[in-house]
Amino acid sequence: MCEIFGLPRSTYYDRLNRKPSKRFLENKKFKKLIMNIYLKSKKRYGAPKITAKLKSLGHKISIKRVQRLMRALNIRSIIQKKYKYYSKTTDFKRGKNLLNRDFSVSDKNQKWVTDITYIHTLKDGWCYLASVMDLFTKKIIKYSFSKTMDTKLTIEALTKASKKQKPENELIIHSDRGTQYIAKLFRDEVKDLGFIQSFSNKGNPYDNAAIESFHAILKKEEVHLKKYIDFKEANKAIFEFIEGWYNRNRIHSSLDYMTPQDFEEKSLSAS
């Protein structure tokens, strides 16, 4: 065979007996670690988050090397679908935009944001999720899931969040101008809790970017990947995503690559 291909026998035996290089062995080790992190995230993590996880485990590796190894493994994060924004038809002139895209906070229970998103099921049709997020930790404090999109849905999410966090200082709760948030019942509940209500400008989702982003992540990493049979199955999946994944295991670049739960615990221990 060496004669056919014009290769010296010494070259063949040299390659045959050559030990794998240090770089080759490192890449083999990193590929295994990358695949473990990728599968543990249910294929949700891309190169930036995988790099951050590797560094947190004490490995020195660049994002470009992670990208190369991911290409070699033929893996990539779930592609995010384009999010379509629709203008709100509701006009509520009395509500002011107190947040005014100032998402900065120095502690928890200063600014909360809330919104509703739609989730489809085969048997029960459209179901509705109202989520409440603390801008300090990016944690979903509480949520409410229902077959009907009414004021009860938004009130339930807010009251559950209040009972869990027990905010002591004046707190801003920000939402869009959907009918469930401008309703008198909801506004009265906000007042009874001692909160201050803030509204996005009409038809401008970027005024509530944080919670819009969370719902986009939920759709990208969970909802768009499955077809739920009914409300019960969807409810279970949402619970597992929020409580089992997003709050406690999904790292965030805005939190210095910590999870919302870890970030909250770190801030509590530092205070």
C-alpha atoms as a PDB file:
ATOM      1  CA  MET A   1       0.000   0.000   0.000  1.00  0.00           C
ATOM      2  CA  CYS A   2       2.887   2.361   0.781  1.00  0.00           C
ATOM      3  CA  GLU A   3       4.326   1.677  -2.656  1.00  0.00           C
ATOM      4  CA  ILE A   4       0.953   2.342  -4.329  1.00  0.00           C
ATOM      5  CA  PHE A   5       0.539   5.694  -2.537  1.00  0.00           C
ATOM      6  CA  GLY A   6       4.200   6.609  -2.821  1.00  0.00           C
ATOM      7  CA  LEU A   7       4.803   6.781   0.930  1.00  0.00           C
ATOM      8  CA  PRO A   8       7.952   5.659   2.738  1.00  0.00           C
ATOM      9  CA  ARG A   9       7.376   2.820   5.188  1.00  0.00           C
ATOM     10  CA  SER A  10       9.015   4.876   7.914  1.00  0.00           C
ATOM     11  CA  THR A  11       6.336   7.571   7.526  1.00  0.00           C
ATOM     12  CA  TYR A  12       3.564   4.989   7.833  1.00  0.00           C
ATOM     13  CA  TYR A  13       4.986   3.425  11.013  1.00  0.00           C
ATOM     14  CA  ASP A  14       5.725   6.841  12.480  1.00  0.00           C
ATOM     15  CA  ARG A  15       2.101   7.884  12.111  1.00  0.00           C
ATOM     16  CA  LEU A  16       0.876   4.487  13.292  1.00  0.00           C
ATOM     17  CA  ASN A  17       2.842   4.634  16.556  1.00  0.00           C
ATOM     18  CA  ARG A  18       2.667   8.387  17.159  1.00  0.00           C
ATOM     19  CA  LYS A  19       1.069   9.346  20.480  1.00  0.00           C
ATOM     20  CA  PRO A  20      -1.861  11.810  20.419  1.00  0.00           C
ATOM     21  CA  SER A  21      -0.765  15.417  20.922  1.00  0.00           C
ATOM     22  CA  LYS A  22      -1.539  17.375  24.077  1.00  0.00           C
ATOM     23  CA  ARG A  23      -3.880  19.619  22.067  1.00  0.00           C
ATOM     24  CA  PHE A  24      -5.734  16.597  20.679  1.00  0.00           C
ATOM     25  CA  LEU A  25      -6.247  15.157  24.168  1.00  0.00           C
ATOM     26  CA  GLU A  26      -7.397  18.546  25.516  1.00  0.00           C
ATOM     27  CA  ASN A  27      -9.921  18.911  22.706  1.00  0.00           C
ATOM     28  CA  LYS A  28     -11.201  15.402  23.382  1.00  0.00           C
ATOM     29  CA  LYS A  29     -11.708  16.263  27.052  1.00  0.00           C
ATOM     30  CA  PHE A  30     -13.367  19.597  26.246  1.00  0.00           C
ATOM     31  CA  LYS A  31     -15.679  17.994  23.702  1.00  0.00           C
ATOM     32  CA  LYS A  32     -16.976  15.652  26.374  1.00  0.00           C
ATOM     33  CA  LEU A  33     -17.483  18.508  28.852  1.00  0.00           C
ATOM     34  CA  ILE A  34     -19.142  20.696  26.228  1.00  0.00           C
ATOM     35  CA  MET A  35     -21.535  17.934  25.244  1.00  0.00           C
ATOM     36  CA  ASN A  36     -22.445  17.270  28.895  1.00  0.00           C
ATOM     37  CA  ILE A  37     -23.196  20.964  29.534  1.00  0.00           C
ATOM     38  CA  TYR A  38     -25.112  21.232  26.259  1.00  0.00           C
ATOM     39  CA  LEU A  39     -27.298  18.198  26.977  1.00  0.00           C
ATOM     40  CA  LYS A  40     -27.832  19.203  30.607  1.00  0.00           C
ATOM     41  CA  SER A  41     -29.197  22.534  29.353  1.00  0.00           C
ATOM     42  CA  LYS A  42     -31.516  20.562  27.040  1.00  0.00           C
ATOM     43  CA  LYS A  43     -29.643  22.004  24.045  1.00  0.00           C
ATOM     44  CA  ARG A  44     -30.464  25.561  25.138  1.00  0.00           C
ATOM     45  CA  TYR A  45     -26.926  26.848  25.754  1.00  0.00           C
ATOM     46  CA  GLY A  46     -24.751  28.339  23.038  1.00  0.00           C
ATOM     47  CA  ALA A  47     -21.010  29.023  23.056  1.00  0.00           C
ATOM     48  CA  PRO A  48     -21.061  32.067  25.441  1.00  0.00           C
ATOM     49  CA  LYS A  49     -22.883  30.237  28.242  1.00  0.00           C
ATOM     50  CA  ILE A  50     -20.975  26.988  27.729  1.00  0.00           C
ATOM     51  CA  THR A  51     -17.714  28.957  27.917  1.00  0.00           C
ATOM     52  CA  ALA A  52     -18.868  30.611  31.135  1.00  0.00           C
ATOM     53  CA  LYS A  53     -19.807  27.230  32.648  1.00  0.00           C
ATOM     54  CA  LEU A  54     -16.426  25.748  31.718  1.00  0.00           C
ATOM     55  CA  LYS A  55     -14.621  28.691  33.300  1.00  0.00           C
ATOM     56  CA  SER A  56     -16.736  28.338  36.450  1.00  0.00           C
ATOM     57  CA  LEU A  57     -15.476  24.735  36.632  1.00  0.00           C
ATOM     58  CA  GLY A  58     -11.888  26.015  36.535  1.00  0.00           C
ATOM     59  CA  HIS A  59     -11.079  25.429  32.864  1.00  0.00           C
ATOM     60  CA  LYS A  60      -9.206  28.034  30.823  1.00  0.00           C
ATOM     61  CA  ILE A  61     -10.765  28.140  27.384  1.00  0.00           C
ATOM     62  CA  SER A  62     -11.728  30.845  24.893  1.00  0.00           C
ATOM     63  CA  ILE A  63     -15.150  31.275  23.347  1.00  0.00           C
ATOM     64  CA  LYS A  64     -13.633  30.820  19.868  1.00  0.00           C
ATOM     65  CA  ARG A  65     -12.273  27.421  20.837  1.00  0.00           C
ATOM     66  CA  VAL A  66     -15.658  26.427  22.247  1.00  0.00           C
ATOM     67  CA  GLN A  67     -17.277  27.540  18.983  1.00  0.00           C
ATOM     68  CA  ARG A  68     -14.825  25.433  16.956  1.00  0.00           C
ATOM     69  CA  LEU A  69     -15.407  22.364  19.113  1.00  0.00           C
ATOM     70  CA  MET A  70     -19.189  22.839  18.943  1.00  0.00           C
ATOM     71  CA  ARG A  71     -18.946  22.943  15.148  1.00  0.00           C
ATOM     72  CA  ALA A  72     -16.872  19.752  15.240  1.00  0.00           C
ATOM     73  CA  LEU A  73     -19.563  18.149  17.410  1.00  0.00           C
ATOM     74  CA  ASN A  74     -22.241  19.546  15.064  1.00  0.00           C
ATOM     75  CA  ILE A  75     -24.210  21.137  17.914  1.00  0.00           C
ATOM     76  CA  ARG A  76     -25.667  24.609  18.349  1.00  0.00           C
ATOM     77  CA  SER A  77     -28.080  26.386  20.648  1.00  0.00           C
ATOM     78  CA  ILE A  78     -31.756  26.470  19.825  1.00  0.00           C
ATOM     79  CA  ILE A  79     -32.328  29.181  17.240  1.00  0.00           C
ATOM     80  CA  GLN A  80     -34.547  31.972  18.492  1.00  0.00           C
ATOM     81  CA  LYS A  81     -37.517  32.685  16.302  1.00  0.00           C
ATOM     82  CA  LYS A  82     -38.302  36.228  15.358  1.00  0.00           C
ATOM     83  CA  TYR A  83     -40.615  37.743  17.924  1.00  0.00           C
ATOM     84  CA  LYS A  84     -43.530  39.668  16.449  1.00  0.00           C
ATOM     85  CA  TYR A  85     -44.694  42.704  18.319  1.00  0.00           C
ATOM     86  CA  TYR A  86     -48.251  43.873  18.020  1.00  0.00           C
ATOM     87  CA  SER A  87     -49.415  47.305  19.027  1.00  0.00           C
ATOM     88  CA  LYS A  88     -51.853  47.459  21.904  1.00  0.00           C
ATOM     89  CA  THR A  89     -55.223  48.903  20.930  1.00  0.00           C
ATOM     90  CA  THR A  90     -56.047  49.924  24.481  1.00  0.00           C
ATOM     91  CA  ASP A  91     -55.547  53.602  25.287  1.00  0.00           C
ATOM     92  CA  PHE A  92     -55.098  54.412  28.952  1.00  0.00           C
ATOM     93  CA  LYS A  93     -53.912  57.991  29.155  1.00  0.00           C
ATOM     94  CA  ARG A  94     -54.000  58.294  32.937  1.00  0.00           C
ATOM     95  CA  GLY A  95     -51.323  55.688  33.541  1.00  0.00           C
ATOM     96  CA  LYS A  96     -47.795  57.077  33.548  1.00  0.00           C
ATOM     97  CA  ASN A  97     -44.602  55.370  32.459  1.00  0.00           C
ATOM     98  CA  LEU A  98     -42.679  55.737  35.715  1.00  0.00           C
ATOM     99  CA  LEU A  99     -40.086  53.155  34.739  1.00  0.00           C
ATOM    100  CA  ASN A 100     -39.264  54.942  31.468  1.00  0.00           C
ATOM    101  CA  ARG A 101     -36.852  52.135  30.446  1.00  0.00           C
ATOM    102  CA  ASP A 102     -34.760  52.636  33.566  1.00  0.00           C
ATOM    103  CA  PHE A 103     -34.267  48.999  34.515  1.00  0.00           C
ATOM    104  CA  SER A 104     -31.461  49.699  36.980  1.00  0.00           C
ATOM    105  CA  VAL A 105     -31.956  48.577  40.590  1.00  0.00           C
ATOM    106  CA  SER A 106     -29.728  48.276  43.659  1.00  0.00           C
ATOM    107  CA  ASP A 107     -31.734  45.680  45.568  1.00  0.00           C
ATOM    108  CA  LYS A 108     -34.673  43.342  45.168  1.00  0.00           C
ATOM    109  CA  ASN A 109     -38.281  44.459  45.582  1.00  0.00           C
ATOM    110  CA  GLN A 110     -37.681  47.862  44.026  1.00  0.00           C
ATOM    111  CA  LYS A 111     -39.035  47.283  40.521  1.00  0.00           C
ATOM    112  CA  TRP A 112     -41.151  44.397  39.300  1.00  0.00           C
ATOM    113  CA  VAL A 113     -42.356  43.836  35.742  1.00  0.00           C
ATOM    114  CA  THR A 114     -45.271  41.714  34.583  1.00  0.00           C
ATOM    115  CA  ASP A 115     -46.879  40.590  31.344  1.00  0.00           C
ATOM    116  CA  ILE A 116     -49.102  37.937  29.739  1.00  0.00           C
ATOM    117  CA  THR A 117     -48.180  35.470  27.000  1.00  0.00           C
ATOM    118  CA  TYR A 118     -50.167  32.859  25.064  1.00  0.00           C
ATOM    119  CA  ILE A 119     -49.494  29.095  25.069  1.00  0.00           C
ATOM    120  CA  HIS A 120     -51.381  26.700  22.821  1.00  0.00           C
ATOM    121  CA  THR A 121     -52.639  23.220  23.723  1.00  0.00           C
ATOM    122  CA  LEU A 122     -54.281  20.666  21.430  1.00  0.00           C
ATOM    123  CA  LYS A 123     -57.332  19.915  23.586  1.00  0.00           C
ATOM    124  CA  ASP A 124     -57.874  23.113  25.553  1.00  0.00           C
ATOM    125  CA  GLY A 125     -56.837  25.640  22.910  1.00  0.00           C
ATOM    126  CA  TRP A 126     -55.075  28.817  24.006  1.00  0.00           C
ATOM    127  CA  CYS A 127     -53.981  29.117  27.619  1.00  0.00           C
ATOM    128  CA  TYR A 128     -52.483  32.191  29.261  1.00  0.00           C
ATOM    129  CA  LEU A 129     -49.449  32.815  31.448  1.00  0.00           C
ATOM    130  CA  ALA A 130     -48.998  35.941  33.570  1.00  0.00           C
ATOM    131  CA  SER A 131     -45.482  36.266  35.006  1.00  0.00           C
ATOM    132  CA  VAL A 132     -43.966  38.622  37.582  1.00  0.00           C
ATOM    133  CA  MET A 133     -40.214  39.312  37.497  1.00  0.00           C
ATOM    134  CA  ASP A 134     -37.943  41.171  39.917  1.00  0.00           C
ATOM    135  CA  LEU A 135     -35.579  43.321  37.848  1.00  0.00           C
ATOM    136  CA  PHE A 136     -32.793  42.949  40.410  1.00  0.00           C
ATOM    137  CA  THR A 137     -32.463  39.165  40.243  1.00  0.00           C
ATOM    138  CA  LYS A 138     -34.247  38.549  36.899  1.00  0.00           C
ATOM    139  CA  LYS A 139     -36.104  35.887  38.864  1.00  0.00           C
ATOM    140  CA  ILE A 140     -39.681  34.959  38.063  1.00  0.00           C
ATOM    141  CA  ILE A 141     -41.092  35.492  41.537  1.00  0.00           C
ATOM    142  CA  LYS A 142     -44.467  33.940  40.794  1.00  0.00           C
ATOM    143  CA  TYR A 143     -46.771  33.301  37.870  1.00  0.00           C
ATOM    144  CA  SER A 144     -50.359  32.373  37.136  1.00  0.00           C
ATOM    145  CA  PHE A 145     -51.529  30.009  34.388  1.00  0.00           C
ATOM    146  CA  SER A 146     -55.138  29.815  33.249  1.00  0.00           C
ATOM    147  CA  LYS A 147     -57.484  28.827  30.447  1.00  0.00           C
ATOM    148  CA  THR A 148     -58.955  32.322  30.494  1.00  0.00           C
ATOM    149  CA  MET A 149     -57.238  35.672  30.035  1.00  0.00           C
ATOM    150  CA  ASP A 150     -58.937  37.946  32.517  1.00  0.00           C
ATOM    151  CA  THR A 151     -58.115  40.283  35.387  1.00  0.00           C
ATOM    152  CA  LYS A 152     -58.196  37.375  37.834  1.00  0.00           C
ATOM    153  CA  LEU A 153     -55.128  35.954  36.058  1.00  0.00           C
ATOM    154  CA  THR A 154     -53.020  39.090  36.576  1.00  0.00           C
ATOM    155  CA  ILE A 155     -54.232  39.702  40.128  1.00  0.00           C
ATOM    156  CA  GLU A 156     -53.408  36.129  41.137  1.00  0.00           C
ATOM    157  CA  ALA A 157     -49.848  36.396  39.779  1.00  0.00           C
ATOM    158  CA  LEU A 158     -49.284  39.703  41.584  1.00  0.00           C
ATOM    159  CA  THR A 159     -50.731  38.628  44.940  1.00  0.00           C
ATOM    160  CA  LYS A 160     -48.742  35.371  44.918  1.00  0.00           C
ATOM    161  CA  ALA A 161     -45.565  37.346  44.205  1.00  0.00           C
ATOM    162  CA  SER A 162     -46.358  39.772  47.027  1.00  0.00           C
ATOM    163  CA  LYS A 163     -46.962  36.958  49.520  1.00  0.00           C
ATOM    164  CA  LYS A 164     -43.687  35.295  48.569  1.00  0.00           C
ATOM    165  CA  GLN A 165     -41.409  38.362  48.580  1.00  0.00           C
ATOM    166  CA  LYS A 166     -43.196  40.482  51.213  1.00  0.00           C
ATOM    167  CA  PRO A 167     -41.762  43.800  49.935  1.00  0.00           C
ATOM    168  CA  GLU A 168     -41.407  46.359  52.719  1.00  0.00           C
ATOM    169  CA  ASN A 169     -40.459  49.460  50.740  1.00  0.00           C
ATOM    170  CA  GLU A 170     -42.316  51.345  48.019  1.00  0.00           C
ATOM    171  CA  LEU A 171     -42.298  49.173  44.910  1.00  0.00           C
ATOM    172  CA  ILE A 172     -43.010  49.924  41.252  1.00  0.00           C
ATOM    173  CA  ILE A 173     -45.004  47.307  39.347  1.00  0.00           C
ATOM    174  CA  HIS A 174     -44.708  47.889  35.587  1.00  0.00           C
ATOM    175  CA  SER A 175     -46.823  46.407  32.786  1.00  0.00           C
ATOM    176  CA  ASP A 176     -48.166  47.195  29.346  1.00  0.00           C
ATOM    177  CA  ARG A 177     -51.590  48.782  28.855  1.00  0.00           C
ATOM    178  CA  GLY A 178     -53.472  45.541  28.320  1.00  0.00           C
ATOM    179  CA  THR A 179     -57.051  45.481  29.594  1.00  0.00           C
ATOM    180  CA  GLN A 180     -56.103  43.064  32.392  1.00  0.00           C
ATOM    181  CA  TYR A 181     -53.661  45.630  33.833  1.00  0.00           C
ATOM    182  CA  ILE A 182     -55.660  48.823  33.410  1.00  0.00           C
ATOM    183  CA  ALA A 183     -58.788  47.221  34.876  1.00  0.00           C
ATOM    184  CA  LYS A 184     -60.038  48.876  38.061  1.00  0.00           C
ATOM    185  CA  LEU A 185     -59.881  45.563  39.951  1.00  0.00           C
ATOM    186  CA  PHE A 186     -56.182  45.216  39.192  1.00  0.00           C
ATOM    187  CA  ARG A 187     -55.416  48.870  39.933  1.00  0.00           C
ATOM    188  CA  ASP A 188     -57.251  48.599  43.246  1.00  0.00           C
ATOM    189  CA  GLU A 189     -55.231  45.496  44.138  1.00  0.00           C
ATOM    190  CA  VAL A 190     -52.011  47.373  43.397  1.00  0.00           C
ATOM    191  CA  LYS A 191     -53.084  50.187  45.723  1.00  0.00           C
ATOM    192  CA  ASP A 192     -54.115  47.748  48.471  1.00  0.00           C
ATOM    193  CA  LEU A 193     -50.670  46.152  48.311  1.00  0.00           C
ATOM    194  CA  GLY A 194     -49.051  49.578  48.618  1.00  0.00           C
ATOM    195  CA  PHE A 195     -47.387  49.422  45.209  1.00  0.00           C
ATOM    196  CA  ILE A 196     -47.027  52.119  42.553  1.00  0.00           C
ATOM    197  CA  GLN A 197     -48.282  51.220  39.108  1.00  0.00           C
ATOM    198  CA  SER A 198     -46.353  52.074  35.935  1.00  0.00           C
ATOM    199  CA  PHE A 199     -47.353  51.493  32.302  1.00  0.00           C
ATOM    200  CA  SER A 200     -45.457  51.121  29.042  1.00  0.00           C
ATOM    201  CA  ASN A 201     -46.149  53.725  26.388  1.00  0.00           C
ATOM    202  CA  LYS A 202     -48.859  52.675  23.971  1.00  0.00           C
ATOM    203  CA  GLY A 203     -47.688  50.049  21.492  1.00  0.00           C
ATOM    204  CA  ASN A 204     -44.084  50.035  22.731  1.00  0.00           C
ATOM    205  CA  PRO A 205     -42.929  46.599  24.017  1.00  0.00           C
ATOM    206  CA  TYR A 206     -39.353  47.812  24.590  1.00  0.00           C
ATOM    207  CA  ASP A 207     -40.635  49.719  27.625  1.00  0.00           C
ATOM    208  CA  ASN A 208     -41.145  46.296  29.224  1.00  0.00           C
ATOM    209  CA  ALA A 209     -38.160  44.573  27.616  1.00  0.00           C
ATOM    210  CA  ALA A 210     -37.112  42.331  30.528  1.00  0.00           C
ATOM    211  CA  ILE A 211     -40.361  40.401  30.877  1.00  0.00           C
ATOM    212  CA  GLU A 212     -40.868  40.369  27.092  1.00  0.00           C
ATOM    213  CA  SER A 213     -37.395  38.825  26.852  1.00  0.00           C
ATOM    214  CA  PHE A 214     -38.259  36.154  29.426  1.00  0.00           C
ATOM    215  CA  HIS A 215     -41.395  35.156  27.544  1.00  0.00           C
ATOM    216  CA  ALA A 216     -39.359  35.009  24.313  1.00  0.00           C
ATOM    217  CA  ILE A 217     -36.865  32.690  26.067  1.00  0.00           C
ATOM    218  CA  LEU A 218     -39.732  30.529  27.332  1.00  0.00           C
ATOM    219  CA  LYS A 219     -41.091  30.218  23.801  1.00  0.00           C
ATOM    220  CA  LYS A 220     -37.672  29.573  22.251  1.00  0.00           C
ATOM    221  CA  GLU A 221     -36.378  27.060  24.787  1.00  0.00           C
ATOM    222  CA  GLU A 222     -39.599  25.258  25.697  1.00  0.00           C
ATOM    223  CA  VAL A 223     -42.963  26.099  24.115  1.00  0.00           C
ATOM    224  CA  HIS A 224     -41.962  26.174  20.438  1.00  0.00           C
ATOM    225  CA  LEU A 225     -40.241  22.809  20.779  1.00  0.00           C
ATOM    226  CA  LYS A 226     -43.303  20.872  21.935  1.00  0.00           C
ATOM    227  CA  LYS A 227     -46.992  20.339  21.365  1.00  0.00           C
ATOM    228  CA  TYR A 228     -48.924  20.183  24.622  1.00  0.00           C
ATOM    229  CA  ILE A 229     -51.910  17.863  24.759  1.00  0.00           C
ATOM    230  CA  ASP A 230     -53.881  19.871  27.299  1.00  0.00           C
ATOM    231  CA  PHE A 231     -53.746  22.518  30.015  1.00  0.00           C
ATOM    232  CA  LYS A 232     -52.459  20.063  32.621  1.00  0.00           C
ATOM    233  CA  GLU A 233     -49.465  19.030  30.510  1.00  0.00           C
ATOM    234  CA  ALA A 234     -48.623  22.632  29.623  1.00  0.00           C
ATOM    235  CA  ASN A 235     -48.913  23.690  33.268  1.00  0.00           C
ATOM    236  CA  LYS A 236     -46.472  20.971  34.336  1.00  0.00           C
ATOM    237  CA  ALA A 237     -44.004  21.931  31.595  1.00  0.00           C
ATOM    238  CA  ILE A 238     -44.125  25.619  32.554  1.00  0.00           C
ATOM    239  CA  PHE A 239     -43.548  24.798  36.222  1.00  0.00           C
ATOM    240  CA  GLU A 240     -40.523  22.647  35.359  1.00  0.00           C
ATOM    241  CA  PHE A 241     -39.125  25.326  33.059  1.00  0.00           C
ATOM    242  CA  ILE A 242     -39.522  28.255  35.459  1.00  0.00           C
ATOM    243  CA  GLU A 243     -38.804  26.603  38.800  1.00  0.00           C
ATOM    244  CA  GLY A 244     -36.550  23.775  37.668  1.00  0.00           C
ATOM    245  CA  TRP A 245     -34.598  25.495  34.915  1.00  0.00           C
ATOM    246  CA  TYR A 246     -34.915  29.263  34.522  1.00  0.00           C
ATOM    247  CA  ASN A 247     -34.743  30.386  38.164  1.00  0.00           C
ATOM    248  CA  ARG A 248     -32.289  27.787  39.484  1.00  0.00           C
ATOM    249  CA  ASN A 249     -30.154  26.497  36.625  1.00  0.00           C
ATOM    250  CA  ARG A 250     -30.139  28.920  33.675  1.00  0.00           C
ATOM    251  CA  ILE A 251     -27.180  31.289  33.911  1.00  0.00           C
ATOM    252  CA  HIS A 252     -27.580  34.909  32.732  1.00  0.00           C
ATOM    253  CA  SER A 253     -24.869  37.095  31.242  1.00  0.00           C
ATOM    254  CA  SER A 254     -26.498  40.153  32.883  1.00  0.00           C
ATOM    255  CA  LEU A 255     -26.028  38.452  36.280  1.00  0.00           C
ATOM    256  CA  ASP A 256     -22.323  37.765  35.686  1.00  0.00           C
ATOM    257  CA  TYR A 257     -23.236  34.274  34.493  1.00  0.00           C
ATOM    258  CA  MET A 258     -25.083  33.315  37.650  1.00  0.00           C
ATOM    259  CA  THR A 259     -28.583  31.926  37.957  1.00  0.00           C
ATOM    260  CA  PRO A 260     -31.308  34.201  39.399  1.00  0.00           C
ATOM    261  CA  GLN A 261     -31.411  32.038  42.532  1.00  0.00           C
ATOM    262  CA  ASP A 262     -27.629  32.129  43.030  1.00  0.00           C
ATOM    263  CA  PHE A 263     -27.554  35.878  42.411  1.00  0.00           C
ATOM    264  CA  GLU A 264     -30.306  36.429  44.988  1.00  0.00           C
ATOM    265  CA  GLU A 265     -28.537  34.278  47.576  1.00  0.00           C
ATOM    266  CA  LYS A 266     -25.217  36.029  46.962  1.00  0.00           C
ATOM    267  CA  SER A 267     -26.818  39.469  47.366  1.00  0.00           C
ATOM    268  CA  LEU A 268     -28.484  38.352  50.617  1.00  0.00           C
ATOM    269  CA  SER A 269     -25.225  37.029  52.070  1.00  0.00           C
ATOM    270  CA  ALA A 270     -23.446  40.269  51.113  1.00  0.00           C
ATOM    271  CA  SER A 271     -26.040  42.487  52.829  1.00  0.00           C
END
